[in-house]
Amino acid sequence: MNVNVVNVTGNGVMVVAIEGRVDGSTAPRFQRVLGTVADAGTKGLVLDLENLTYISSAALRVLLGLTKSQARKGGMLTVCSVPESLRKVLEVSGFDQIIPVHDSQAEALAACSR
């Protein structure tokens, strides 16, 4: 699993690209890295999942916790560029009702800027 900050907008929204697999063994590191990014005081986080190949229930719990912590700060978490196989996981688990899913980074950034 790789996590890379790819963009920080002028209005405090950070775009983070996630690559590879996030499973039970990598979820603790995933949580630490994203927690550090979120603690940087960003208004919003956009997770670009274009190169994510697998996400486990442990990783989904990390996203849920991050969504809640962003909401407490008045920010938001969105995901974008979700591969079809992972989009189905989000839909079946109901996470697409909790975390906004956008087709592109531009759409996700626009949603965070509202």
PDB file of N, CA and C in Angstrom:
ATOM      1  N   MET A   1       0.841  -1.171   0.000  1.00  0.00           N
ATOM      2  CA  MET A   1       0.000   0.000   0.000  1.00  0.00           C
ATOM      3  C   MET A   1       0.883   1.231   0.000  1.00  0.00           C
ATOM      4  N   ASN A   2       0.553   2.176  -0.866  1.00  0.00           N
ATOM      5  CA  ASN A   2       1.221   3.474  -0.895  1.00  0.00           C
ATOM      6  C   ASN A   2       0.170   4.556  -0.707  1.00  0.00           C
ATOM      7  N   VAL A   3       0.521   5.574   0.063  1.00  0.00           N
ATOM      8  CA  VAL A   3      -0.343   6.729   0.276  1.00  0.00           C
ATOM      9  C   VAL A   3       0.489   7.953  -0.065  1.00  0.00           C
ATOM     10  N   ASN A   4       0.011   8.751  -1.020  1.00  0.00           N
ATOM     11  CA  ASN A   4       0.762   9.924  -1.450  1.00  0.00           C
ATOM     12  C   ASN A   4      -0.132  11.154  -1.480  1.00  0.00           C
ATOM     13  N   VAL A   5       0.310  12.226  -0.826  1.00  0.00           N
ATOM     14  CA  VAL A   5      -0.392  13.500  -0.936  1.00  0.00           C
ATOM     15  C   VAL A   5      -0.021  14.064  -2.297  1.00  0.00           C
ATOM     16  N   VAL A   6      -1.032  14.285  -3.137  1.00  0.00           N
ATOM     17  CA  VAL A   6      -0.755  14.733  -4.499  1.00  0.00           C
ATOM     18  C   VAL A   6      -1.118  16.187  -4.744  1.00  0.00           C
ATOM     19  N   ASN A   7      -1.919  16.772  -3.847  1.00  0.00           N
ATOM     20  CA  ASN A   7      -2.336  18.159  -4.066  1.00  0.00           C
ATOM     21  C   ASN A   7      -2.913  18.724  -2.778  1.00  0.00           C
ATOM     22  N   VAL A   8      -2.581  19.962  -2.507  1.00  0.00           N
ATOM     23  CA  VAL A   8      -3.222  20.703  -1.428  1.00  0.00           C
ATOM     24  C   VAL A   8      -3.736  21.987  -2.062  1.00  0.00           C
ATOM     25  N   THR A   9      -5.050  22.165  -2.033  1.00  0.00           N
ATOM     26  CA  THR A   9      -5.625  23.337  -2.676  1.00  0.00           C
ATOM     27  C   THR A   9      -5.493  24.560  -1.780  1.00  0.00           C
ATOM     28  N   GLY A  10      -5.706  25.705  -2.364  1.00  0.00           N
ATOM     29  CA  GLY A  10      -5.642  26.957  -1.618  1.00  0.00           C
ATOM     30  C   GLY A  10      -6.709  27.064  -0.549  1.00  0.00           C
ATOM     31  N   ASN A  11      -7.796  26.326  -0.687  1.00  0.00           N
ATOM     32  CA  ASN A  11      -8.872  26.422   0.298  1.00  0.00           C
ATOM     33  C   ASN A  11      -8.803  25.291   1.336  1.00  0.00           C
ATOM     34  N   GLY A  12      -7.647  24.628   1.441  1.00  0.00           N
ATOM     35  CA  GLY A  12      -7.445  23.659   2.502  1.00  0.00           C
ATOM     36  C   GLY A  12      -7.953  22.257   2.249  1.00  0.00           C
ATOM     37  N   VAL A  13      -8.156  21.889   1.002  1.00  0.00           N
ATOM     38  CA  VAL A  13      -8.570  20.521   0.679  1.00  0.00           C
ATOM     39  C   VAL A  13      -7.343  19.763   0.182  1.00  0.00           C
ATOM     40  N   MET A  14      -7.134  18.588   0.746  1.00  0.00           N
ATOM     41  CA  MET A  14      -5.977  17.784   0.398  1.00  0.00           C
ATOM     42  C   MET A  14      -6.423  16.581  -0.428  1.00  0.00           C
ATOM     43  N   VAL A  15      -5.704  16.315  -1.512  1.00  0.00           N
ATOM     44  CA  VAL A  15      -5.961  15.148  -2.349  1.00  0.00           C
ATOM     45  C   VAL A  15      -4.880  14.116  -2.031  1.00  0.00           C
ATOM     46  N   VAL A  16      -5.325  12.916  -1.689  1.00  0.00           N
ATOM     47  CA  VAL A  16      -4.417  11.847  -1.312  1.00  0.00           C
ATOM     48  C   VAL A  16      -4.698  10.643  -2.209  1.00  0.00           C
ATOM     49  N   ALA A  17      -3.659  10.155  -2.883  1.00  0.00           N
ATOM     50  CA  ALA A  17      -3.792   8.983  -3.750  1.00  0.00           C
ATOM     51  C   ALA A  17      -3.432   7.730  -2.956  1.00  0.00           C
ATOM     52  N   ILE A  18      -4.287   6.733  -3.045  1.00  0.00           N
ATOM     53  CA  ILE A  18      -4.068   5.453  -2.383  1.00  0.00           C
ATOM     54  C   ILE A  18      -3.811   4.414  -3.470  1.00  0.00           C
ATOM     55  N   GLU A  19      -2.732   3.649  -3.310  1.00  0.00           N
ATOM     56  CA  GLU A  19      -2.374   2.639  -4.309  1.00  0.00           C
ATOM     57  C   GLU A  19      -2.198   1.272  -3.657  1.00  0.00           C
ATOM     58  N   GLY A  20      -2.507   0.236  -4.404  1.00  0.00           N
ATOM     59  CA  GLY A  20      -2.272  -1.125  -3.939  1.00  0.00           C
ATOM     60  C   GLY A  20      -3.441  -1.694  -3.166  1.00  0.00           C
ATOM     61  N   ARG A  21      -3.119  -2.457  -2.126  1.00  0.00           N
ATOM     62  CA  ARG A  21      -4.123  -3.145  -1.312  1.00  0.00           C
ATOM     63  C   ARG A  21      -4.138  -2.548   0.090  1.00  0.00           C
ATOM     64  N   VAL A  22      -5.336  -2.382   0.630  1.00  0.00           N
ATOM     65  CA  VAL A  22      -5.469  -2.028   2.040  1.00  0.00           C
ATOM     66  C   VAL A  22      -6.287  -3.148   2.671  1.00  0.00           C
ATOM     67  N   ASP A  23      -5.597  -3.966   3.459  1.00  0.00           N
ATOM     68  CA  ASP A  23      -6.242  -5.121   4.082  1.00  0.00           C
ATOM     69  C   ASP A  23      -5.978  -5.095   5.584  1.00  0.00           C
ATOM     70  N   GLY A  24      -6.281  -6.183   6.240  1.00  0.00           N
ATOM     71  CA  GLY A  24      -6.119  -6.248   7.688  1.00  0.00           C
ATOM     72  C   GLY A  24      -4.700  -5.981   8.153  1.00  0.00           C
ATOM     73  N   SER A  25      -3.717  -6.404   7.364  1.00  0.00           N
ATOM     74  CA  SER A  25      -2.326  -6.202   7.778  1.00  0.00           C
ATOM     75  C   SER A  25      -1.833  -4.781   7.525  1.00  0.00           C
ATOM     76  N   THR A  26      -2.398  -4.088   6.552  1.00  0.00           N
ATOM     77  CA  THR A  26      -1.953  -2.721   6.254  1.00  0.00           C
ATOM     78  C   THR A  26      -2.892  -1.652   6.817  1.00  0.00           C
ATOM     79  N   ALA A  27      -4.066  -2.048   7.305  1.00  0.00           N
ATOM     80  CA  ALA A  27      -5.042  -1.070   7.819  1.00  0.00           C
ATOM     81  C   ALA A  27      -4.503  -0.218   8.974  1.00  0.00           C
ATOM     82  N   PRO A  28      -3.725  -0.777   9.922  1.00  0.00           N
ATOM     83  CA  PRO A  28      -3.198   0.087  10.988  1.00  0.00           C
ATOM     84  C   PRO A  28      -2.284   1.200  10.456  1.00  0.00           C
ATOM     85  N   ARG A  29      -1.442   0.865   9.493  1.00  0.00           N
ATOM     86  CA  ARG A  29      -0.578   1.892   8.879  1.00  0.00           C
ATOM     87  C   ARG A  29      -1.428   2.896   8.091  1.00  0.00           C
ATOM     88  N   PHE A  30      -2.415   2.392   7.374  1.00  0.00           N
ATOM     89  CA  PHE A  30      -3.354   3.229   6.625  1.00  0.00           C
ATOM     90  C   PHE A  30      -4.003   4.241   7.573  1.00  0.00           C
ATOM     91  N   GLN A  31      -4.434   3.773   8.733  1.00  0.00           N
ATOM     92  CA  GLN A  31      -5.068   4.646   9.717  1.00  0.00           C
ATOM     93  C   GLN A  31      -4.089   5.696  10.236  1.00  0.00           C
ATOM     94  N   ARG A  32      -2.867   5.293  10.550  1.00  0.00           N
ATOM     95  CA  ARG A  32      -1.868   6.247  11.055  1.00  0.00           C
ATOM     96  C   ARG A  32      -1.562   7.323  10.028  1.00  0.00           C
ATOM     97  N   VAL A  33      -1.330   6.895   8.788  1.00  0.00           N
ATOM     98  CA  VAL A  33      -0.959   7.846   7.734  1.00  0.00           C
ATOM     99  C   VAL A  33      -2.103   8.822   7.470  1.00  0.00           C
ATOM    100  N   LEU A  34      -3.319   8.303   7.292  1.00  0.00           N
ATOM    101  CA  LEU A  34      -4.445   9.196   7.017  1.00  0.00           C
ATOM    102  C   LEU A  34      -4.778  10.066   8.223  1.00  0.00           C
ATOM    103  N   GLY A  35      -4.596   9.533   9.428  1.00  0.00           N
ATOM    104  CA  GLY A  35      -4.810  10.333  10.630  1.00  0.00           C
ATOM    105  C   GLY A  35      -3.856  11.507  10.692  1.00  0.00           C
ATOM    106  N   THR A  36      -2.598  11.270  10.324  1.00  0.00           N
ATOM    107  CA  THR A  36      -1.601  12.344  10.297  1.00  0.00           C
ATOM    108  C   THR A  36      -1.979  13.402   9.271  1.00  0.00           C
ATOM    109  N   VAL A  37      -2.408  12.958   8.108  1.00  0.00           N
ATOM    110  CA  VAL A  37      -2.836  13.899   7.062  1.00  0.00           C
ATOM    111  C   VAL A  37      -4.035  14.705   7.546  1.00  0.00           C
ATOM    112  N   ALA A  38      -5.010  14.040   8.142  1.00  0.00           N
ATOM    113  CA  ALA A  38      -6.213  14.727   8.620  1.00  0.00           C
ATOM    114  C   ALA A  38      -5.889  15.704   9.733  1.00  0.00           C
ATOM    115  N   ASP A  39      -4.932  15.360  10.579  1.00  0.00           N
ATOM    116  CA  ASP A  39      -4.545  16.245  11.674  1.00  0.00           C
ATOM    117  C   ASP A  39      -3.805  17.484  11.195  1.00  0.00           C
ATOM    118  N   ALA A  40      -3.423  17.494   9.931  1.00  0.00           N
ATOM    119  CA  ALA A  40      -2.715  18.653   9.381  1.00  0.00           C
ATOM    120  C   ALA A  40      -3.633  19.864   9.255  1.00  0.00           C
ATOM    121  N   GLY A  41      -4.900  19.698   9.638  1.00  0.00           N
ATOM    122  CA  GLY A  41      -5.811  20.836   9.664  1.00  0.00           C
ATOM    123  C   GLY A  41      -6.514  21.115   8.353  1.00  0.00           C
ATOM    124  N   THR A  42      -6.597  20.116   7.505  1.00  0.00           N
ATOM    125  CA  THR A  42      -7.249  20.327   6.221  1.00  0.00           C
ATOM    126  C   THR A  42      -8.752  20.488   6.384  1.00  0.00           C
ATOM    127  N   LYS A  43      -9.326  21.260   5.482  1.00  0.00           N
ATOM    128  CA  LYS A  43     -10.780  21.462   5.469  1.00  0.00           C
ATOM    129  C   LYS A  43     -11.489  20.220   4.952  1.00  0.00           C
ATOM    130  N   GLY A  44     -10.829  19.535   4.059  1.00  0.00           N
ATOM    131  CA  GLY A  44     -11.420  18.350   3.474  1.00  0.00           C
ATOM    132  C   GLY A  44     -10.356  17.432   2.924  1.00  0.00           C
ATOM    133  N   LEU A  45     -10.727  16.181   2.781  1.00  0.00           N
ATOM    134  CA  LEU A  45      -9.834  15.184   2.209  1.00  0.00           C
ATOM    135  C   LEU A  45     -10.525  14.519   1.034  1.00  0.00           C
ATOM    136  N   VAL A  46      -9.810  14.441  -0.071  1.00  0.00           N
ATOM    137  CA  VAL A  46     -10.263  13.700  -1.237  1.00  0.00           C
ATOM    138  C   VAL A  46      -9.316  12.515  -1.371  1.00  0.00           C
ATOM    139  N   LEU A  47      -9.855  11.327  -1.281  1.00  0.00           N
ATOM    140  CA  LEU A  47      -9.046  10.130  -1.475  1.00  0.00           C
ATOM    141  C   LEU A  47      -9.242   9.642  -2.898  1.00  0.00           C
ATOM    142  N   ASP A  48      -8.178   9.692  -3.681  1.00  0.00           N
ATOM    143  CA  ASP A  48      -8.211   9.210  -5.063  1.00  0.00           C
ATOM    144  C   ASP A  48      -7.886   7.720  -5.024  1.00  0.00           C
ATOM    145  N   LEU A  49      -8.859   6.900  -5.372  1.00  0.00           N
ATOM    146  CA  LEU A  49      -8.719   5.453  -5.275  1.00  0.00           C
ATOM    147  C   LEU A  49      -8.467   4.778  -6.622  1.00  0.00           C
ATOM    148  N   GLU A  50      -8.098   5.545  -7.623  1.00  0.00           N
ATOM    149  CA  GLU A  50      -7.922   4.998  -8.969  1.00  0.00           C
ATOM    150  C   GLU A  50      -6.993   3.788  -9.007  1.00  0.00           C
ATOM    151  N   ASN A  51      -5.942   3.802  -8.209  1.00  0.00           N
ATOM    152  CA  ASN A  51      -4.965   2.714  -8.228  1.00  0.00           C
ATOM    153  C   ASN A  51      -5.059   1.793  -7.016  1.00  0.00           C
ATOM    154  N   LEU A  52      -6.197   1.834  -6.327  1.00  0.00           N
ATOM    155  CA  LEU A  52      -6.430   0.918  -5.224  1.00  0.00           C
ATOM    156  C   LEU A  52      -6.998  -0.375  -5.802  1.00  0.00           C
ATOM    157  N   THR A  53      -6.403  -1.495  -5.446  1.00  0.00           N
ATOM    158  CA  THR A  53      -6.840  -2.770  -6.021  1.00  0.00           C
ATOM    159  C   THR A  53      -7.712  -3.591  -5.083  1.00  0.00           C
ATOM    160  N   TYR A  54      -7.637  -3.314  -3.765  1.00  0.00           N
ATOM    161  CA  TYR A  54      -8.410  -4.093  -2.804  1.00  0.00           C
ATOM    162  C   TYR A  54      -8.602  -3.270  -1.546  1.00  0.00           C
ATOM    163  N   ILE A  55      -9.785  -3.369  -0.949  1.00  0.00           N
ATOM    164  CA  ILE A  55     -10.046  -2.708   0.324  1.00  0.00           C
ATOM    165  C   ILE A  55     -10.818  -3.684   1.215  1.00  0.00           C
ATOM    166  N   SER A  56     -10.333  -3.870   2.432  1.00  0.00           N
ATOM    167  CA  SER A  56     -10.953  -4.813   3.359  1.00  0.00           C
ATOM    168  C   SER A  56     -11.923  -4.089   4.288  1.00  0.00           C
ATOM    169  N   SER A  57     -12.640  -4.867   5.074  1.00  0.00           N
ATOM    170  CA  SER A  57     -13.556  -4.270   6.052  1.00  0.00           C
ATOM    171  C   SER A  57     -12.781  -3.463   7.085  1.00  0.00           C
ATOM    172  N   ALA A  58     -11.563  -3.866   7.394  1.00  0.00           N
ATOM    173  CA  ALA A  58     -10.736  -3.092   8.339  1.00  0.00           C
ATOM    174  C   ALA A  58     -10.435  -1.714   7.768  1.00  0.00           C
ATOM    175  N   ALA A  59     -10.160  -1.653   6.489  1.00  0.00           N
ATOM    176  CA  ALA A  59      -9.894  -0.362   5.851  1.00  0.00           C
ATOM    177  C   ALA A  59     -11.167   0.485   5.773  1.00  0.00           C
ATOM    178  N   LEU A  60     -12.297  -0.155   5.546  1.00  0.00           N
ATOM    179  CA  LEU A  60     -13.562   0.583   5.531  1.00  0.00           C
ATOM    180  C   LEU A  60     -13.841   1.209   6.901  1.00  0.00           C
ATOM    181  N   ARG A  61     -13.499   0.492   7.970  1.00  0.00           N
ATOM    182  CA  ARG A  61     -13.660   1.061   9.318  1.00  0.00           C
ATOM    183  C   ARG A  61     -12.775   2.283   9.498  1.00  0.00           C
ATOM    184  N   VAL A  62     -11.573   2.254   8.925  1.00  0.00           N
ATOM    185  CA  VAL A  62     -10.679   3.418   8.981  1.00  0.00           C
ATOM    186  C   VAL A  62     -11.340   4.602   8.279  1.00  0.00           C
ATOM    187  N   LEU A  63     -11.928   4.356   7.109  1.00  0.00           N
ATOM    188  CA  LEU A  63     -12.595   5.433   6.373  1.00  0.00           C
ATOM    189  C   LEU A  63     -13.784   5.980   7.142  1.00  0.00           C
ATOM    190  N   LEU A  64     -14.524   5.112   7.804  1.00  0.00           N
ATOM    191  CA  LEU A  64     -15.658   5.556   8.607  1.00  0.00           C
ATOM    192  C   LEU A  64     -15.188   6.461   9.744  1.00  0.00           C
ATOM    193  N   GLY A  65     -14.150   6.042  10.448  1.00  0.00           N
ATOM    194  CA  GLY A  65     -13.609   6.864  11.531  1.00  0.00           C
ATOM    195  C   GLY A  65     -13.090   8.191  11.029  1.00  0.00           C
ATOM    196  N   LEU A  66     -12.443   8.187   9.882  1.00  0.00           N
ATOM    197  CA  LEU A  66     -11.920   9.410   9.301  1.00  0.00           C
ATOM    198  C   LEU A  66     -13.054  10.344   8.878  1.00  0.00           C
ATOM    199  N   THR A  67     -14.133   9.771   8.356  1.00  0.00           N
ATOM    200  CA  THR A  67     -15.305  10.571   7.981  1.00  0.00           C
ATOM    201  C   THR A  67     -15.862  11.284   9.206  1.00  0.00           C
ATOM    202  N   LYS A  68     -15.964  10.562  10.302  1.00  0.00           N
ATOM    203  CA  LYS A  68     -16.498  11.151  11.537  1.00  0.00           C
ATOM    204  C   LYS A  68     -15.569  12.232  12.081  1.00  0.00           C
ATOM    205  N   SER A  69     -14.264  11.989  12.057  1.00  0.00           N
ATOM    206  CA  SER A  69     -13.336  12.991  12.588  1.00  0.00           C
ATOM    207  C   SER A  69     -13.321  14.242  11.714  1.00  0.00           C
ATOM    208  N   GLN A  70     -13.445  14.078  10.406  1.00  0.00           N
ATOM    209  CA  GLN A  70     -13.521  15.248   9.526  1.00  0.00           C
ATOM    210  C   GLN A  70     -14.796  16.046   9.806  1.00  0.00           C
ATOM    211  N   ALA A  71     -15.907  15.360  10.004  1.00  0.00           N
ATOM    212  CA  ALA A  71     -17.176  16.043  10.282  1.00  0.00           C
ATOM    213  C   ALA A  71     -17.090  16.834  11.591  1.00  0.00           C
ATOM    214  N   ARG A  72     -16.433  16.272  12.610  1.00  0.00           N
ATOM    215  CA  ARG A  72     -16.280  16.993  13.877  1.00  0.00           C
ATOM    216  C   ARG A  72     -15.480  18.275  13.701  1.00  0.00           C
ATOM    217  N   LYS A  73     -14.562  18.293  12.733  1.00  0.00           N
ATOM    218  CA  LYS A  73     -13.743  19.475  12.461  1.00  0.00           C
ATOM    219  C   LYS A  73     -14.414  20.434  11.485  1.00  0.00           C
ATOM    220  N   GLY A  74     -15.602  20.076  11.011  1.00  0.00           N
ATOM    221  CA  GLY A  74     -16.277  20.904  10.022  1.00  0.00           C
ATOM    222  C   GLY A  74     -15.803  20.648   8.609  1.00  0.00           C
ATOM    223  N   GLY A  75     -15.075  19.574   8.410  1.00  0.00           N
ATOM    224  CA  GLY A  75     -14.581  19.220   7.085  1.00  0.00           C
ATOM    225  C   GLY A  75     -15.342  18.026   6.542  1.00  0.00           C
ATOM    226  N   MET A  76     -14.835  17.482   5.449  1.00  0.00           N
ATOM    227  CA  MET A  76     -15.486  16.312   4.880  1.00  0.00           C
ATOM    228  C   MET A  76     -14.464  15.413   4.213  1.00  0.00           C
ATOM    229  N   LEU A  77     -14.862  14.170   4.038  1.00  0.00           N
ATOM    230  CA  LEU A  77     -14.063  13.184   3.332  1.00  0.00           C
ATOM    231  C   LEU A  77     -14.864  12.731   2.126  1.00  0.00           C
ATOM    232  N   THR A  78     -14.221  12.706   0.976  1.00  0.00           N
ATOM    233  CA  THR A  78     -14.837  12.159  -0.225  1.00  0.00           C
ATOM    234  C   THR A  78     -13.840  11.220  -0.894  1.00  0.00           C
ATOM    235  N   VAL A  79     -14.352  10.350  -1.737  1.00  0.00           N
ATOM    236  CA  VAL A  79     -13.485   9.494  -2.537  1.00  0.00           C
ATOM    237  C   VAL A  79     -13.805   9.720  -4.006  1.00  0.00           C
ATOM    238  N   CYS A  80     -12.800   9.477  -4.840  1.00  0.00           N
ATOM    239  CA  CYS A  80     -13.022   9.663  -6.279  1.00  0.00           C
ATOM    240  C   CYS A  80     -12.251   8.613  -7.063  1.00  0.00           C
ATOM    241  N   SER A  81     -12.590   8.542  -8.331  1.00  0.00           N
ATOM    242  CA  SER A  81     -11.920   7.641  -9.280  1.00  0.00           C
ATOM    243  C   SER A  81     -11.877   6.212  -8.758  1.00  0.00           C
ATOM    244  N   VAL A  82     -13.001   5.756  -8.257  1.00  0.00           N
ATOM    245  CA  VAL A  82     -13.091   4.431  -7.637  1.00  0.00           C
ATOM    246  C   VAL A  82     -13.260   3.373  -8.732  1.00  0.00           C
ATOM    247  N   PRO A  83     -12.358   2.379  -8.774  1.00  0.00           N
ATOM    248  CA  PRO A  83     -12.523   1.296  -9.748  1.00  0.00           C
ATOM    249  C   PRO A  83     -13.871   0.591  -9.551  1.00  0.00           C
ATOM    250  N   GLU A  84     -14.420   0.077 -10.613  1.00  0.00           N
ATOM    251  CA  GLU A  84     -15.762  -0.520 -10.569  1.00  0.00           C
ATOM    252  C   GLU A  84     -15.881  -1.616  -9.512  1.00  0.00           C
ATOM    253  N   SER A  85     -14.882  -2.458  -9.395  1.00  0.00           N
ATOM    254  CA  SER A  85     -14.961  -3.546  -8.409  1.00  0.00           C
ATOM    255  C   SER A  85     -15.030  -3.001  -6.983  1.00  0.00           C
ATOM    256  N   LEU A  86     -14.310  -1.936  -6.714  1.00  0.00           N
ATOM    257  CA  LEU A  86     -14.343  -1.335  -5.376  1.00  0.00           C
ATOM    258  C   LEU A  86     -15.604  -0.509  -5.171  1.00  0.00           C
ATOM    259  N   ARG A  87     -16.105   0.078  -6.234  1.00  0.00           N
ATOM    260  CA  ARG A  87     -17.368   0.826  -6.132  1.00  0.00           C
ATOM    261  C   ARG A  87     -18.485  -0.106  -5.692  1.00  0.00           C
ATOM    262  N   LYS A  88     -18.463  -1.328  -6.206  1.00  0.00           N
ATOM    263  CA  LYS A  88     -19.484  -2.310  -5.806  1.00  0.00           C
ATOM    264  C   LYS A  88     -19.362  -2.651  -4.327  1.00  0.00           C
ATOM    265  N   VAL A  89     -18.134  -2.748  -3.823  1.00  0.00           N
ATOM    266  CA  VAL A  89     -17.923  -3.001  -2.391  1.00  0.00           C
ATOM    267  C   VAL A  89     -18.531  -1.862  -1.577  1.00  0.00           C
ATOM    268  N   LEU A  90     -18.296  -0.628  -2.005  1.00  0.00           N
ATOM    269  CA  LEU A  90     -18.853   0.530  -1.296  1.00  0.00           C
ATOM    270  C   LEU A  90     -20.374   0.522  -1.335  1.00  0.00           C
ATOM    271  N   GLU A  91     -20.941   0.140  -2.471  1.00  0.00           N
ATOM    272  CA  GLU A  91     -22.398   0.108  -2.608  1.00  0.00           C
ATOM    273  C   GLU A  91     -23.021  -1.001  -1.761  1.00  0.00           C
ATOM    274  N   VAL A  92     -22.474  -2.204  -1.831  1.00  0.00           N
ATOM    275  CA  VAL A  92     -23.025  -3.338  -1.103  1.00  0.00           C
ATOM    276  C   VAL A  92     -22.938  -3.110   0.407  1.00  0.00           C
ATOM    277  N   SER A  93     -21.841  -2.499   0.848  1.00  0.00           N
ATOM    278  CA  SER A  93     -21.648  -2.254   2.276  1.00  0.00           C
ATOM    279  C   SER A  93     -22.407  -1.019   2.767  1.00  0.00           C
ATOM    280  N   GLY A  94     -22.946  -0.232   1.826  1.00  0.00           N
ATOM    281  CA  GLY A  94     -23.666   0.982   2.201  1.00  0.00           C
ATOM    282  C   GLY A  94     -22.756   2.172   2.442  1.00  0.00           C
ATOM    283  N   PHE A  95     -21.460   2.016   2.240  1.00  0.00           N
ATOM    284  CA  PHE A  95     -20.537   3.116   2.481  1.00  0.00           C
ATOM    285  C   PHE A  95     -20.716   4.256   1.487  1.00  0.00           C
ATOM    286  N   ASP A  96     -21.268   3.967   0.326  1.00  0.00           N
ATOM    287  CA  ASP A  96     -21.533   5.042  -0.636  1.00  0.00           C
ATOM    288  C   ASP A  96     -22.623   5.988  -0.133  1.00  0.00           C
ATOM    289  N   GLN A  97     -23.370   5.572   0.898  1.00  0.00           N
ATOM    290  CA  GLN A  97     -24.377   6.440   1.513  1.00  0.00           C
ATOM    291  C   GLN A  97     -23.768   7.286   2.632  1.00  0.00           C
ATOM    292  N   ILE A  98     -22.573   6.923   3.069  1.00  0.00           N
ATOM    293  CA  ILE A  98     -21.893   7.618   4.163  1.00  0.00           C
ATOM    294  C   ILE A  98     -20.792   8.530   3.631  1.00  0.00           C
ATOM    295  N   ILE A  99     -20.050   8.022   2.665  1.00  0.00           N
ATOM    296  CA  ILE A  99     -18.921   8.745   2.092  1.00  0.00           C
ATOM    297  C   ILE A  99     -19.263   9.093   0.646  1.00  0.00           C
ATOM    298  N   PRO A 100     -19.286  10.382   0.306  1.00  0.00           N
ATOM    299  CA  PRO A 100     -19.575  10.758  -1.074  1.00  0.00           C
ATOM    300  C   PRO A 100     -18.557  10.162  -2.046  1.00  0.00           C
ATOM    301  N   VAL A 101     -19.063   9.580  -3.126  1.00  0.00           N
ATOM    302  CA  VAL A 101     -18.232   8.962  -4.156  1.00  0.00           C
ATOM    303  C   VAL A 101     -18.384   9.794  -5.431  1.00  0.00           C
ATOM    304  N   HIS A 102     -17.249  10.241  -5.970  1.00  0.00           N
ATOM    305  CA  HIS A 102     -17.259  11.074  -7.178  1.00  0.00           C
ATOM    306  C   HIS A 102     -16.459  10.395  -8.284  1.00  0.00           C
ATOM    307  N   ASP A 103     -16.842  10.688  -9.513  1.00  0.00           N
ATOM    308  CA  ASP A 103     -16.177  10.072 -10.658  1.00  0.00           C
ATOM    309  C   ASP A 103     -14.777  10.627 -10.889  1.00  0.00           C
ATOM    310  N   SER A 104     -14.545  11.892 -10.528  1.00  0.00           N
ATOM    311  CA  SER A 104     -13.250  12.517 -10.807  1.00  0.00           C
ATOM    312  C   SER A 104     -12.788  13.367  -9.628  1.00  0.00           C
ATOM    313  N   GLN A 105     -11.505  13.678  -9.640  1.00  0.00           N
ATOM    314  CA  GLN A 105     -10.967  14.584  -8.624  1.00  0.00           C
ATOM    315  C   GLN A 105     -11.643  15.940  -8.697  1.00  0.00           C
ATOM    316  N   ALA A 106     -11.889  16.424  -9.902  1.00  0.00           N
ATOM    317  CA  ALA A 106     -12.516  17.742 -10.063  1.00  0.00           C
ATOM    318  C   ALA A 106     -13.882  17.785  -9.369  1.00  0.00           C
ATOM    319  N   GLU A 107     -14.677  16.732  -9.548  1.00  0.00           N
ATOM    320  CA  GLU A 107     -16.002  16.681  -8.878  1.00  0.00           C
ATOM    321  C   GLU A 107     -15.855  16.629  -7.366  1.00  0.00           C
ATOM    322  N   ALA A 108     -14.915  15.833  -6.887  1.00  0.00           N
ATOM    323  CA  ALA A 108     -14.706  15.709  -5.442  1.00  0.00           C
ATOM    324  C   ALA A 108     -14.225  17.028  -4.844  1.00  0.00           C
ATOM    325  N   LEU A 109     -13.305  17.693  -5.538  1.00  0.00           N
ATOM    326  CA  LEU A 109     -12.825  18.998  -5.051  1.00  0.00           C
ATOM    327  C   LEU A 109     -13.944  20.025  -5.016  1.00  0.00           C
ATOM    328  N   ALA A 110     -14.779  20.011  -6.028  1.00  0.00           N
ATOM    329  CA  ALA A 110     -15.916  20.933  -6.049  1.00  0.00           C
ATOM    330  C   ALA A 110     -16.856  20.664  -4.868  1.00  0.00           C
ATOM    331  N   ALA A 111     -17.085  19.400  -4.554  1.00  0.00           N
ATOM    332  CA  ALA A 111     -17.953  19.046  -3.429  1.00  0.00           C
ATOM    333  C   ALA A 111     -17.348  19.515  -2.106  1.00  0.00           C
ATOM    334  N   CYS A 112     -16.055  19.403  -1.955  1.00  0.00           N
ATOM    335  CA  CYS A 112     -15.384  19.836  -0.711  1.00  0.00           C
ATOM    336  C   CYS A 112     -15.336  21.347  -0.582  1.00  0.00           C
ATOM    337  N   SER A 113     -15.460  22.040  -1.692  1.00  0.00           N
ATOM    338  CA  SER A 113     -15.340  23.505  -1.686  1.00  0.00           C
ATOM    339  C   SER A 113     -16.663  24.196  -1.410  1.00  0.00           C
ATOM    340  N   ARG A 114     -17.742  23.446  -1.317  1.00  0.00           N
ATOM    341  CA  ARG A 114     -19.060  24.058  -1.079  1.00  0.00           C
ATOM    342  C   ARG A 114     -19.206  24.499   0.342  1.00  0.00           C
TER     343      ARG A 114
END
